[in-house]
Amino acid sequence: MTNRMDKTALVRRVSQRVHQKAMTVEKIVDSFLEEIYEALKRGESVSLRDFGSFYIRPEPASWVFKFNPSQRLRKLFGWSSTYRGELSARADNSEKAFPGSAECGLGGTPMAIG
């Protein structure tokens, strides 16, 4: 997969989705990321429903950063999953970015949260 969304593109997309100024969304994104950073720094895990969990695991002489994808994310990529919900789709050209993405919600497709 060669496509990549950076923070600027993420802020732009979210600002369009929620009809807010990019500057406002950028502050929210920065605060969101800072809270995740601080939680991990304290040794806490961070769980985001329908996305996954970030955690650190102490190992001899180091710490290991881990990400455990949610069942929904696993289903999106065809990995073993118990997720039974629907993955939203949008009729556009998402298929070009990632084969199968039009069916599974990639390419900037709005996805329900919750």
Protein backbone atom coordinates (compact mmCIF):
# COMPACT_ATOMS: atom_id res chain seq x y z
CA MET A 1 0.00 0.00 0.00
CA THR A 2 1.69 3.22 -1.10
CA ASN A 3 -0.94 5.82 -0.21
CA ARG A 4 -0.53 7.71 3.03
CA MET A 5 -2.60 10.28 4.88
CA ASP A 6 -0.58 12.80 6.86
CA LYS A 7 -1.85 14.99 9.69
CA THR A 8 -2.64 17.92 7.38
CA ALA A 9 -4.85 15.75 5.17
CA LEU A 10 -6.52 14.20 8.22
CA VAL A 11 -7.31 17.63 9.65
CA ARG A 12 -8.69 18.79 6.31
CA ARG A 13 -10.93 15.74 5.93
CA VAL A 14 -12.22 15.91 9.48
CA SER A 15 -12.87 19.65 9.22
CA GLN A 16 -14.93 19.04 6.08
CA ARG A 17 -16.83 16.19 7.72
CA VAL A 18 -17.76 18.15 10.85
CA HIS A 19 -18.06 21.56 9.12
CA GLN A 20 -15.50 23.23 11.38
CA LYS A 21 -12.46 25.37 10.64
CA ALA A 22 -9.26 23.44 10.05
CA MET A 23 -7.54 25.42 12.84
CA THR A 24 -10.15 24.23 15.34
CA VAL A 25 -9.89 20.62 14.20
CA GLU A 26 -6.10 20.79 14.28
CA LYS A 27 -6.20 21.84 17.95
CA ILE A 28 -8.52 18.93 18.70
CA VAL A 29 -6.33 16.45 16.82
CA ASP A 30 -3.20 17.77 18.56
CA SER A 31 -4.89 17.48 21.97
CA PHE A 32 -6.18 13.99 21.14
CA LEU A 33 -2.71 12.80 20.13
CA GLU A 34 -1.10 14.46 23.16
CA GLU A 35 -3.50 12.64 25.50
CA ILE A 36 -2.66 9.32 23.87
CA TYR A 37 1.05 10.12 24.15
CA GLU A 38 0.75 11.05 27.83
CA ALA A 39 -1.29 7.94 28.67
CA LEU A 40 1.31 5.68 27.02
CA LYS A 41 4.07 7.59 28.78
CA ARG A 42 2.36 6.81 32.11
CA GLY A 43 2.23 3.14 31.14
CA GLU A 44 -1.53 3.15 30.48
CA SER A 45 -3.10 1.48 27.47
CA VAL A 46 -5.43 3.41 25.17
CA SER A 47 -8.47 1.68 23.69
CA LEU A 48 -10.46 3.25 20.86
CA ARG A 49 -13.64 1.32 20.16
CA ASP A 50 -13.88 0.00 16.59
CA PHE A 51 -10.26 1.00 15.96
CA GLY A 52 -7.96 -0.76 18.38
CA SER A 53 -5.77 -0.54 21.45
CA PHE A 54 -2.32 0.94 21.89
CA TYR A 55 -0.18 -0.27 24.74
CA ILE A 56 3.39 -0.65 25.85
CA ARG A 57 4.93 -3.75 27.30
CA PRO A 58 8.08 -3.63 29.40
CA GLU A 59 10.81 -5.94 28.22
CA PRO A 60 14.30 -6.41 29.62
CA ALA A 61 16.28 -3.23 28.87
CA SER A 62 13.48 -1.64 26.76
CA TRP A 63 9.78 -1.00 26.19
CA VAL A 64 7.82 -2.47 23.30
CA PHE A 65 5.03 -0.45 21.66
CA LYS A 66 2.07 -2.54 20.54
CA PHE A 67 -1.14 -1.98 18.59
CA ASN A 68 -3.97 -4.49 18.76
CA PRO A 69 -6.52 -3.82 15.98
CA SER A 70 -10.22 -3.99 16.80
CA GLN A 71 -12.44 -6.71 15.40
CA ARG A 72 -13.92 -4.12 13.03
CA LEU A 73 -10.49 -3.21 11.68
CA ARG A 74 -9.58 -6.88 11.36
CA LYS A 75 -12.73 -7.48 9.31
CA LEU A 76 -11.90 -4.49 7.10
CA PHE A 77 -8.68 -6.16 6.00
CA GLY A 78 -10.03 -9.70 5.90
CA TRP A 79 -8.21 -10.88 9.02
CA SER A 80 -9.87 -13.29 11.43
CA SER A 81 -12.67 -11.35 13.11
CA THR A 82 -15.79 -11.77 15.19
CA TYR A 83 -17.16 -8.38 14.09
CA ARG A 84 -20.75 -8.74 12.89
CA GLY A 85 -21.56 -5.12 11.97
CA GLU A 86 -21.67 -3.64 8.51
CA LEU A 87 -18.72 -1.80 7.01
CA SER A 88 -20.05 1.30 5.29
CA ALA A 89 -19.34 1.91 1.62
CA ARG A 90 -19.48 4.92 -0.64
CA ALA A 91 -20.00 4.87 -4.38
CA ASP A 92 -16.86 6.65 -5.56
CA ASN A 93 -13.42 5.82 -6.90
CA SER A 94 -12.09 4.40 -3.63
CA GLU A 95 -11.39 1.12 -5.41
CA LYS A 96 -8.41 2.78 -7.14
CA ALA A 97 -6.63 3.47 -3.85
CA PHE A 98 -6.93 -0.02 -2.41
CA PRO A 99 -8.50 -3.07 -4.04
CA GLY A 100 -11.74 -3.86 -2.27
CA SER A 101 -11.78 -0.52 -0.48
CA ALA A 102 -15.12 0.61 -1.92
CA GLU A 103 -16.77 -2.30 -0.13
CA CYS A 104 -14.93 -1.94 3.15
CA GLY A 105 -14.85 1.81 3.72
CA LEU A 106 -11.35 2.95 2.78
CA GLY A 107 -10.47 5.96 0.68
CA GLY A 108 -12.00 8.60 2.95
CA THR A 109 -15.36 6.87 3.22
CA PRO A 110 -17.43 8.00 6.21
CA MET A 111 -17.67 5.21 8.74
CA ALA A 112 -20.06 5.06 11.70
CA ILE A 113 -18.45 5.39 15.11
CA GLY A 114 -19.84 3.73 18.18
